C-alpha atoms as a PDB file:
ATOM      1  CA  UNK A   1     -27.054  76.491  17.951  1.00  0.00           C
ATOM      2  CA  UNK A   2     -23.441  75.785  18.997  1.00  0.00           C
ATOM      3  CA  UNK A   3     -24.664  73.960  22.147  1.00  0.00           C
ATOM      4  CA  UNK A   4     -26.113  71.184  20.009  1.00  0.00           C
ATOM      5  CA  UNK A   5     -23.007  70.600  17.816  1.00  0.00           C
ATOM      6  CA  UNK A   6     -20.780  68.870  20.458  1.00  0.00           C
ATOM      7  CA  UNK A   7     -23.293  66.183  21.478  1.00  0.00           C
ATOM      8  CA  UNK A   8     -23.846  65.395  17.821  1.00  0.00           C
ATOM      9  CA  UNK A   9     -20.095  64.961  17.174  1.00  0.00           C
ATOM     10  CA  UNK A  10     -19.764  62.687  20.203  1.00  0.00           C
ATOM     11  CA  UNK A  11     -22.654  60.526  19.094  1.00  0.00           C
ATOM     12  CA  UNK A  12     -21.208  60.193  15.601  1.00  0.00           C
ATOM     13  CA  UNK A  13     -17.801  59.192  16.985  1.00  0.00           C
ATOM     14  CA  UNK A  14     -19.238  56.501  19.256  1.00  0.00           C
ATOM     15  CA  UNK A  15     -21.328  55.115  16.312  1.00  0.00           C
ATOM     16  CA  UNK A  16     -18.204  54.950  14.144  1.00  0.00           C
ATOM     17  CA  UNK A  17     -16.250  53.176  16.866  1.00  0.00           C
ATOM     18  CA  UNK A  18     -19.017  50.662  17.261  1.00  0.00           C
ATOM     19  CA  UNK A  19     -18.957  49.888  13.569  1.00  0.00           C
ATOM     20  CA  UNK A  20     -15.158  49.463  13.509  1.00  0.00           C
ATOM     21  CA  UNK A  21     -15.297  46.982  16.344  1.00  0.00           C
ATOM     22  CA  UNK A  22     -17.740  44.771  14.453  1.00  0.00           C
ATOM     23  CA  UNK A  23     -15.598  44.783  11.264  1.00  0.00           C
ATOM     24  CA  UNK A  24     -12.418  43.741  13.197  1.00  0.00           C
ATOM     25  CA  UNK A  25     -13.820  40.339  14.220  1.00  0.00           C
ATOM     26  CA  UNK A  26     -11.249  37.717  13.240  1.00  0.00           C
ATOM     27  CA  UNK A  27     -12.219  35.356  10.396  1.00  0.00           C
ATOM     28  CA  UNK A  28     -11.614  31.590  10.528  1.00  0.00           C
ATOM     29  CA  UNK A  29      -9.029  30.320   7.965  1.00  0.00           C
ATOM     30  CA  UNK A  30     -10.349  27.724   5.544  1.00  0.00           C
ATOM     31  CA  UNK A  31      -9.545  24.166   6.527  1.00  0.00           C
ATOM     32  CA  UNK A  32      -7.126  22.355   4.146  1.00  0.00           C
ATOM     33  CA  UNK A  33      -8.600  19.489   2.094  1.00  0.00           C
ATOM     34  CA  UNK A  34      -5.279  18.089   0.758  1.00  0.00           C
ATOM     35  CA  UNK A  35      -1.588  17.630   1.569  1.00  0.00           C
ATOM     36  CA  UNK A  36       0.634  18.799  -1.212  1.00  0.00           C
ATOM     37  CA  UNK A  37       4.251  19.465  -1.963  1.00  0.00           C
ATOM     38  CA  UNK A  38       7.316  18.172  -3.771  1.00  0.00           C
ATOM     39  CA  UNK A  39       9.382  14.973  -3.739  1.00  0.00           C
ATOM     40  CA  UNK A  40      13.175  14.924  -4.471  1.00  0.00           C
ATOM     41  CA  UNK A  41      16.010  12.474  -3.996  1.00  0.00           C
ATOM     42  CA  UNK A  42      18.988  12.853  -1.728  1.00  0.00           C
ATOM     43  CA  UNK A  43      22.315  12.123  -3.513  1.00  0.00           C
ATOM     44  CA  UNK A  44      23.002  11.366  -7.143  1.00  0.00           C
ATOM     45  CA  UNK A  45      21.026   8.183  -7.781  1.00  0.00           C
ATOM     46  CA  UNK A  46      18.886   8.844 -10.941  1.00  0.00           C
ATOM     47  CA  UNK A  47      15.608   7.224 -11.738  1.00  0.00           C
ATOM     48  CA  UNK A  48      15.944   4.207 -13.978  1.00  0.00           C
ATOM     49  CA  UNK A  49      12.971   4.618 -16.323  1.00  0.00           C
ATOM     50  CA  UNK A  50       9.536   5.385 -14.839  1.00  0.00           C
ATOM     51  CA  UNK A  51       8.985   5.011 -11.125  1.00  0.00           C
ATOM     52  CA  UNK A  52       5.982   4.617  -8.879  1.00  0.00           C
ATOM     53  CA  UNK A  53       5.513   7.207  -6.132  1.00  0.00           C
ATOM     54  CA  UNK A  54       3.333   6.157  -3.127  1.00  0.00           C
ATOM     55  CA  UNK A  55       2.087   8.882  -0.751  1.00  0.00           C
ATOM     56  CA  UNK A  56       0.259   8.060   2.488  1.00  0.00           C
ATOM     57  CA  UNK A  57      -1.408  10.260   5.087  1.00  0.00           C
ATOM     58  CA  UNK A  58      -1.143   8.362   8.376  1.00  0.00           C
ATOM     59  CA  UNK A  59      -2.648   8.888  11.792  1.00  0.00           C
ATOM     60  CA  UNK A  60       0.208   7.956  14.173  1.00  0.00           C
ATOM     61  CA  UNK A  61      -1.804   8.518  17.300  1.00  0.00           C
ATOM     62  CA  UNK A  62      -3.660   5.306  16.727  1.00  0.00           C
ATOM     63  CA  UNK A  63      -2.163   1.878  17.429  1.00  0.00           C
ATOM     64  CA  UNK A  64      -1.629   0.380  14.974  1.00  0.00           C
ATOM     65  CA  UNK A  65      -1.049   3.488  12.827  1.00  0.00           C
ATOM     66  CA  UNK A  66      -4.119   4.189  10.576  1.00  0.00           C
ATOM     67  CA  UNK A  67      -3.761   5.188   6.919  1.00  0.00           C
ATOM     68  CA  UNK A  68      -6.238   7.971   6.278  1.00  0.00           C
ATOM     69  CA  UNK A  69      -5.716   7.999   2.540  1.00  0.00           C
ATOM     70  CA  UNK A  70      -3.025   7.067   0.033  1.00  0.00           C
ATOM     71  CA  UNK A  71      -2.175   7.564  -3.608  1.00  0.00           C
ATOM     72  CA  UNK A  72       0.206   5.907  -6.068  1.00  0.00           C
ATOM     73  CA  UNK A  73       1.245   7.869  -9.214  1.00  0.00           C
ATOM     74  CA  UNK A  74       3.798   7.325 -12.005  1.00  0.00           C
ATOM     75  CA  UNK A  75       6.853   9.536 -11.945  1.00  0.00           C
ATOM     76  CA  UNK A  76       9.488   9.982 -14.659  1.00  0.00           C
ATOM     77  CA  UNK A  77      11.320  13.101 -13.492  1.00  0.00           C
ATOM     78  CA  UNK A  78      12.279  14.598 -10.185  1.00  0.00           C
ATOM     79  CA  UNK A  79      11.531  16.828  -8.266  1.00  0.00           C
ATOM     80  CA  UNK A  80       7.874  15.789  -8.613  1.00  0.00           C
ATOM     81  CA  UNK A  81       4.721  17.562  -7.478  1.00  0.00           C
ATOM     82  CA  UNK A  82       2.094  15.717  -5.546  1.00  0.00           C
ATOM     83  CA  UNK A  83      -1.381  16.428  -4.216  1.00  0.00           C
ATOM     84  CA  UNK A  84      -3.128  14.020  -1.766  1.00  0.00           C
ATOM     85  CA  UNK A  85      -6.792  14.964  -1.097  1.00  0.00           C
ATOM     86  CA  UNK A  86      -8.543  13.848   2.128  1.00  0.00           C
ATOM     87  CA  UNK A  87     -11.915  14.124   3.735  1.00  0.00           C
ATOM     88  CA  UNK A  88     -11.879  16.787   6.425  1.00  0.00           C
ATOM     89  CA  UNK A  89     -14.206  14.647   8.548  1.00  0.00           C
ATOM     90  CA  UNK A  90     -11.467  12.003   8.843  1.00  0.00           C
ATOM     91  CA  UNK A  91      -9.107  14.408  10.647  1.00  0.00           C
ATOM     92  CA  UNK A  92      -9.150  14.661  14.428  1.00  0.00           C
ATOM     93  CA  UNK A  93      -7.550  17.877  15.662  1.00  0.00           C
ATOM     94  CA  UNK A  94      -6.232  16.070  18.744  1.00  0.00           C
ATOM     95  CA  UNK A  95      -4.376  13.393  16.730  1.00  0.00           C
ATOM     96  CA  UNK A  96      -0.940  13.541  15.132  1.00  0.00           C
ATOM     97  CA  UNK A  97      -0.562  13.003  11.323  1.00  0.00           C
ATOM     98  CA  UNK A  98       2.453  12.324   9.167  1.00  0.00           C
ATOM     99  CA  UNK A  99       3.085  12.030   5.462  1.00  0.00           C
ATOM    100  CA  UNK A 100       4.917   8.899   4.328  1.00  0.00           C
ATOM    101  CA  UNK A 101       6.441   8.622   0.900  1.00  0.00           C
ATOM    102  CA  UNK A 102       8.259   5.908  -1.034  1.00  0.00           C
ATOM    103  CA  UNK A 103       9.401   5.489  -4.630  1.00  0.00           C
ATOM    104  CA  UNK A 104      10.392   2.459  -6.620  1.00  0.00           C
ATOM    105  CA  UNK A 105      11.803   2.235 -10.177  1.00  0.00           C
ATOM    106  CA  UNK A 106      12.950  -0.782 -12.177  1.00  0.00           C
ATOM    107  CA  UNK A 107      16.175  -1.129 -10.133  1.00  0.00           C
ATOM    108  CA  UNK A 108      15.969   0.695  -6.862  1.00  0.00           C
ATOM    109  CA  UNK A 109      13.710   1.695  -3.936  1.00  0.00           C
ATOM    110  CA  UNK A 110      13.737   5.136  -2.355  1.00  0.00           C
ATOM    111  CA  UNK A 111      12.376   5.801   1.166  1.00  0.00           C
ATOM    112  CA  UNK A 112      11.965   8.797   3.434  1.00  0.00           C
ATOM    113  CA  UNK A 113      14.517   8.630   6.251  1.00  0.00           C
ATOM    114  CA  UNK A 114      12.278  10.789   8.419  1.00  0.00           C
ATOM    115  CA  UNK A 115       8.564  11.307   8.897  1.00  0.00           C
ATOM    116  CA  UNK A 116       6.931  14.572   7.881  1.00  0.00           C
ATOM    117  CA  UNK A 117       4.334  15.871  10.406  1.00  0.00           C
ATOM    118  CA  UNK A 118       1.345  17.614   8.821  1.00  0.00           C
ATOM    119  CA  UNK A 119      -2.053  19.260   9.521  1.00  0.00           C
ATOM    120  CA  UNK A 120      -2.304  19.244  13.360  1.00  0.00           C
ATOM    121  CA  UNK A 121      -0.110  20.320  16.277  1.00  0.00           C
ATOM    122  CA  UNK A 122       0.881  23.493  14.459  1.00  0.00           C
ATOM    123  CA  UNK A 123       1.973  21.714  11.231  1.00  0.00           C
ATOM    124  CA  UNK A 124       0.884  22.823   7.812  1.00  0.00           C
ATOM    125  CA  UNK A 125      -0.449  21.039   4.732  1.00  0.00           C
ATOM    126  CA  UNK A 126       2.563  21.575   2.448  1.00  0.00           C
ATOM    127  CA  UNK A 127       5.807  19.640   2.691  1.00  0.00           C
ATOM    128  CA  UNK A 128       9.078  19.140   0.735  1.00  0.00           C
ATOM    129  CA  UNK A 129       9.892  15.446   0.898  1.00  0.00           C
ATOM    130  CA  UNK A 130      13.399  14.138   0.410  1.00  0.00           C
ATOM    131  CA  UNK A 131      13.887  10.432  -0.308  1.00  0.00           C
ATOM    132  CA  UNK A 132      16.982   8.297   0.313  1.00  0.00           C
ATOM    133  CA  UNK A 133      18.076   5.716  -2.296  1.00  0.00           C
ATOM    134  CA  UNK A 134      18.488   2.162  -0.940  1.00  0.00           C
ATOM    135  CA  UNK A 135      21.114  -0.241  -2.397  1.00  0.00           C
ATOM    136  CA  UNK A 136      19.896  -2.352  -5.290  1.00  0.00           C
ATOM    137  CA  UNK A 137      20.189  -6.136  -4.913  1.00  0.00           C
ATOM    138  CA  UNK A 138      23.163  -6.125  -7.243  1.00  0.00           C
ATOM    139  CA  UNK A 139      24.901  -3.405  -5.205  1.00  0.00           C
ATOM    140  CA  UNK A 140      24.165  -5.347  -1.972  1.00  0.00           C
ATOM    141  CA  UNK A 141      25.758  -8.432  -3.553  1.00  0.00           C
ATOM    142  CA  UNK A 142      28.896  -6.522  -4.652  1.00  0.00           C
ATOM    143  CA  UNK A 143      29.146  -4.854  -1.288  1.00  0.00           C
ATOM    144  CA  UNK A 144      29.179  -8.296   0.415  1.00  0.00           C
ATOM    145  CA  UNK A 145      31.774  -9.450  -2.062  1.00  0.00           C
ATOM    146  CA  UNK A 146      34.037  -6.492  -1.360  1.00  0.00           C
ATOM    147  CA  UNK A 147      33.565  -6.910   2.372  1.00  0.00           C
ATOM    148  CA  UNK A 148      34.841 -10.497   2.245  1.00  0.00           C
ATOM    149  CA  UNK A 149      37.794  -9.455   0.088  1.00  0.00           C
ATOM    150  CA  UNK A 150      38.743  -6.789   2.563  1.00  0.00           C
ATOM    151  CA  UNK A 151      39.157  -9.291   5.380  1.00  0.00           C
ATOM    152  CA  UNK A 152      40.904 -12.103   3.512  1.00  0.00           C
ATOM    153  CA  UNK A 153      44.084 -11.389   5.421  1.00  0.00           C
ATOM    154  CA  UNK A 154      42.441 -12.504   8.646  1.00  0.00           C
ATOM    155  CA  UNK A 155      41.202 -15.802   7.242  1.00  0.00           C
ATOM    156  CA  UNK A 156      42.875 -19.186   7.098  1.00  0.00           C
ATOM    157  CA  UNK A 157      43.628 -20.374   3.581  1.00  0.00           C
ATOM    158  CA  UNK A 158      45.044 -23.308   1.627  1.00  0.00           C
ATOM    159  CA  UNK A 159      46.600 -23.588  -1.812  1.00  0.00           C
ATOM    160  CA  UNK A 160      46.040 -25.913  -4.668  1.00  0.00           C
ATOM    161  CA  UNK A 161      47.155 -26.230  -8.329  1.00  0.00           C
ATOM    162  CA  UNK A 162      46.591 -28.304 -11.401  1.00  0.00           C
ATOM    163  CA  UNK A 163      48.366 -28.305 -14.740  1.00  0.00           C
ATOM    164  CA  UNK A 164      47.728 -29.742 -18.170  1.00  0.00           C
ATOM    165  CA  UNK A 165      48.998 -29.134 -21.607  1.00  0.00           C
ATOM    166  CA  UNK A 166      48.699 -25.445 -22.471  1.00  0.00           C
ATOM    167  CA  UNK A 167      47.059 -24.559 -19.176  1.00  0.00           C
ATOM    168  CA  UNK A 168      48.124 -24.163 -15.592  1.00  0.00           C
ATOM    169  CA  UNK A 169      45.795 -23.418 -12.658  1.00  0.00           C
ATOM    170  CA  UNK A 170      46.465 -22.304  -9.124  1.00  0.00           C
ATOM    171  CA  UNK A 171      44.014 -21.355  -6.411  1.00  0.00           C
ATOM    172  CA  UNK A 172      43.654 -20.182  -2.874  1.00  0.00           C
ATOM    173  CA  UNK A 173      40.770 -21.281  -0.657  1.00  0.00           C
ATOM    174  CA  UNK A 174      39.753 -19.065   2.313  1.00  0.00           C
ATOM    175  CA  UNK A 175      37.639 -20.377   5.215  1.00  0.00           C
ATOM    176  CA  UNK A 176      35.883 -18.751   8.148  1.00  0.00           C
ATOM    177  CA  UNK A 177      36.398 -19.865  11.792  1.00  0.00           C
ATOM    178  CA  UNK A 178      33.851 -22.664  11.306  1.00  0.00           C
ATOM    179  CA  UNK A 179      35.830 -24.068   8.469  1.00  0.00           C
ATOM    180  CA  UNK A 180      33.329 -23.148   5.729  1.00  0.00           C
ATOM    181  CA  UNK A 181      34.639 -21.875   2.379  1.00  0.00           C
ATOM    182  CA  UNK A 182      33.844 -18.150   2.000  1.00  0.00           C
ATOM    183  CA  UNK A 183      36.145 -17.154  -0.829  1.00  0.00           C
ATOM    184  CA  UNK A 184      38.275 -18.721  -3.607  1.00  0.00           C
ATOM    185  CA  UNK A 185      40.683 -17.009  -5.940  1.00  0.00           C
ATOM    186  CA  UNK A 186      41.711 -19.017  -8.994  1.00  0.00           C
ATOM    187  CA  UNK A 187      44.373 -18.067 -11.575  1.00  0.00           C
ATOM    188  CA  UNK A 188      44.417 -19.844 -14.946  1.00  0.00           C
ATOM    189  CA  UNK A 189      47.327 -19.150 -17.305  1.00  0.00           C
ATOM    190  CA  UNK A 190      46.774 -20.314 -20.951  1.00  0.00           C
ATOM    191  CA  UNK A 191      49.816 -18.506 -22.298  1.00  0.00           C
ATOM    192  CA  UNK A 192      49.032 -16.626 -25.533  1.00  0.00           C
ATOM    193  CA  UNK A 193      45.382 -17.676 -25.207  1.00  0.00           C
ATOM    194  CA  UNK A 194      44.864 -15.448 -22.194  1.00  0.00           C
ATOM    195  CA  UNK A 195      45.148 -15.207 -18.418  1.00  0.00           C
ATOM    196  CA  UNK A 196      41.976 -15.604 -16.306  1.00  0.00           C
ATOM    197  CA  UNK A 197      41.399 -14.542 -12.709  1.00  0.00           C
ATOM    198  CA  UNK A 198      38.208 -15.879 -11.123  1.00  0.00           C
ATOM    199  CA  UNK A 199      37.149 -14.731  -7.639  1.00  0.00           C
ATOM    200  CA  UNK A 200      34.279 -16.557  -6.000  1.00  0.00           C
ATOM    201  CA  UNK A 201      32.492 -15.545  -2.823  1.00  0.00           C
ATOM    202  CA  UNK A 202      30.214 -17.990  -0.983  1.00  0.00           C
ATOM    203  CA  UNK A 203      27.333 -17.663   1.435  1.00  0.00           C
ATOM    204  CA  UNK A 204      25.749 -20.526   3.305  1.00  0.00           C
ATOM    205  CA  UNK A 205      27.861 -22.986   1.323  1.00  0.00           C
ATOM    206  CA  UNK A 206      26.447 -21.666  -2.013  1.00  0.00           C
ATOM    207  CA  UNK A 207      27.946 -19.431  -4.694  1.00  0.00           C
ATOM    208  CA  UNK A 208      27.140 -15.836  -3.945  1.00  0.00           C
ATOM    209  CA  UNK A 209      29.154 -13.598  -6.226  1.00  0.00           C
ATOM    210  CA  UNK A 210      31.629 -14.550  -8.991  1.00  0.00           C
ATOM    211  CA  UNK A 211      33.842 -12.069 -10.780  1.00  0.00           C
ATOM    212  CA  UNK A 212      35.898 -13.357 -13.680  1.00  0.00           C
ATOM    213  CA  UNK A 213      38.487 -11.199 -15.508  1.00  0.00           C
ATOM    214  CA  UNK A 214      40.245 -12.210 -18.764  1.00  0.00           C
ATOM    215  CA  UNK A 215      43.467 -10.479 -19.863  1.00  0.00           C
ATOM    216  CA  UNK A 216      45.529 -11.133 -22.975  1.00  0.00           C
ATOM    217  CA  UNK A 217      48.480 -12.182 -20.769  1.00  0.00           C
ATOM    218  CA  UNK A 218      49.513 -12.324 -17.112  1.00  0.00           C
ATOM    219  CA  UNK A 219      50.107  -8.845 -15.727  1.00  0.00           C
ATOM    220  CA  UNK A 220      48.063  -7.055 -18.423  1.00  0.00           C
ATOM    221  CA  UNK A 221      44.828  -5.172 -18.001  1.00  0.00           C
ATOM    222  CA  UNK A 222      41.674  -7.267 -18.455  1.00  0.00           C
ATOM    223  CA  UNK A 223      39.791  -6.729 -21.573  1.00  0.00           C
ATOM    224  CA  UNK A 224      36.747  -8.719 -20.363  1.00  0.00           C
ATOM    225  CA  UNK A 225      35.112  -8.754 -16.939  1.00  0.00           C
ATOM    226  CA  UNK A 226      32.021 -10.743 -16.079  1.00  0.00           C
ATOM    227  CA  UNK A 227      30.115 -10.491 -12.781  1.00  0.00           C
ATOM    228  CA  UNK A 228      27.243 -12.592 -11.521  1.00  0.00           C
ATOM    229  CA  UNK A 229      25.572 -12.677  -8.083  1.00  0.00           C
ATOM    230  CA  UNK A 230      22.640 -14.410  -6.435  1.00  0.00           C
ATOM    231  CA  UNK A 231      20.407 -13.592  -3.450  1.00  0.00           C
ATOM    232  CA  UNK A 232      19.601 -15.868  -0.585  1.00  0.00           C
ATOM    233  CA  UNK A 233      16.842 -17.545  -2.625  1.00  0.00           C
ATOM    234  CA  UNK A 234      19.223 -18.277  -5.500  1.00  0.00           C
ATOM    235  CA  UNK A 235      17.743 -15.623  -7.815  1.00  0.00           C
ATOM    236  CA  UNK A 236      20.184 -13.936 -10.178  1.00  0.00           C
ATOM    237  CA  UNK A 237      20.463 -10.293  -9.005  1.00  0.00           C
ATOM    238  CA  UNK A 238      23.823  -9.283 -10.521  1.00  0.00           C
ATOM    239  CA  UNK A 239      24.516  -9.844 -14.184  1.00  0.00           C
ATOM    240  CA  UNK A 240      27.181  -7.562 -15.787  1.00  0.00           C
ATOM    241  CA  UNK A 241      29.590  -7.898 -18.674  1.00  0.00           C
ATOM    242  CA  UNK A 242      32.280  -5.352 -19.402  1.00  0.00           C
ATOM    243  CA  UNK A 243      34.252  -5.314 -22.617  1.00  0.00           C
ATOM    244  CA  UNK A 244      36.577  -2.368 -22.335  1.00  0.00           C
ATOM    245  CA  UNK A 245      34.343   0.516 -21.323  1.00  0.00           C
ATOM    246  CA  UNK A 246      31.177  -0.985 -22.768  1.00  0.00           C
ATOM    247  CA  UNK A 247      28.787  -2.533 -20.187  1.00  0.00           C
ATOM    248  CA  UNK A 248      26.010  -4.946 -21.040  1.00  0.00           C
ATOM    249  CA  UNK A 249      23.846  -7.486 -19.194  1.00  0.00           C
ATOM    250  CA  UNK A 250      25.431 -10.893 -18.756  1.00  0.00           C
ATOM    251  CA  UNK A 251      23.472 -13.670 -20.475  1.00  0.00           C
ATOM    252  CA  UNK A 252      21.726 -16.362 -18.452  1.00  0.00           C
ATOM    253  CA  UNK A 253      23.986 -19.037 -19.964  1.00  0.00           C
ATOM    254  CA  UNK A 254      27.207 -17.167 -19.029  1.00  0.00           C
ATOM    255  CA  UNK A 255      25.857 -16.480 -15.481  1.00  0.00           C
ATOM    256  CA  UNK A 256      25.024 -20.248 -15.139  1.00  0.00           C
ATOM    257  CA  UNK A 257      28.543 -21.107 -16.334  1.00  0.00           C
ATOM    258  CA  UNK A 258      30.058 -18.942 -13.577  1.00  0.00           C
ATOM    259  CA  UNK A 259      27.725 -20.474 -11.020  1.00  0.00           C
ATOM    260  CA  UNK A 260      28.633 -24.012 -12.062  1.00  0.00           C
ATOM    261  CA  UNK A 261      32.350 -23.188 -11.978  1.00  0.00           C
ATOM    262  CA  UNK A 262      32.031 -21.769  -8.444  1.00  0.00           C
ATOM    263  CA  UNK A 263      30.021 -24.893  -7.384  1.00  0.00           C
ATOM    264  CA  UNK A 264      32.680 -27.216  -8.863  1.00  0.00           C
ATOM    265  CA  UNK A 265      35.353 -25.370  -6.952  1.00  0.00           C
ATOM    266  CA  UNK A 266      33.410 -25.615  -3.752  1.00  0.00           C
ATOM    267  CA  UNK A 267      33.093 -29.381  -4.256  1.00  0.00           C
ATOM    268  CA  UNK A 268      36.793 -29.637  -4.955  1.00  0.00           C
ATOM    269  CA  UNK A 269      37.601 -27.636  -1.812  1.00  0.00           C
ATOM    270  CA  UNK A 270      35.276 -29.644   0.418  1.00  0.00           C
ATOM    271  CA  UNK A 271      32.967 -27.904   2.877  1.00  0.00           C
END
């Protein structure tokens, strides 16, 4: 009887090994049907009200790049979750795909400074997108104003003055190398009625940004500051009124008054 035990044990072992080989066959992972993740903002620029988040899945192997699918959703807080479904039949394993994202609120646009590869070439279907805030039109206007002020010392200038009862005015007119007026600083002293400083920046011979400060007297801190600025089309993009620490929008009438004042000074200076 013992002679038959060993062959039976060997046969059982071989059968078990065959079964284990079958069960170890690798399984194919399920193919993703959506790109998902989070969107956040670089820096400290908060959302102004509700924004619109646009997500695109783009095939960058094609020329021009082909948008596979896109989605726009409202966003009120960040970081925000997103989920972008796509048809698996629209994905070519040999192509390269990226996720593009952009966000726009009432004041500012946010864009992704880099592209986010997804799906193919070893990339996954989940990404953490970081968006960079772009300057608002009003910030762009003030940046241009400050840039001109920073180089006034290198510009040619001329002086002018005008006096009348209870009011004396003096101004400096700065010109670029072509002789065009790019900046004017005007001081108006009305004694006990106040001291006004008006700084006017010009672009393409048109008023660009005007900042007017009113103080109780010469040498004192302004208690009123008004700022107005216009883009290349003449649209009002900067409208700000500061009374002490309180900020409010500048009215259309006050913005027009600053524009007309800057235009009159330009006519007085001559182009």
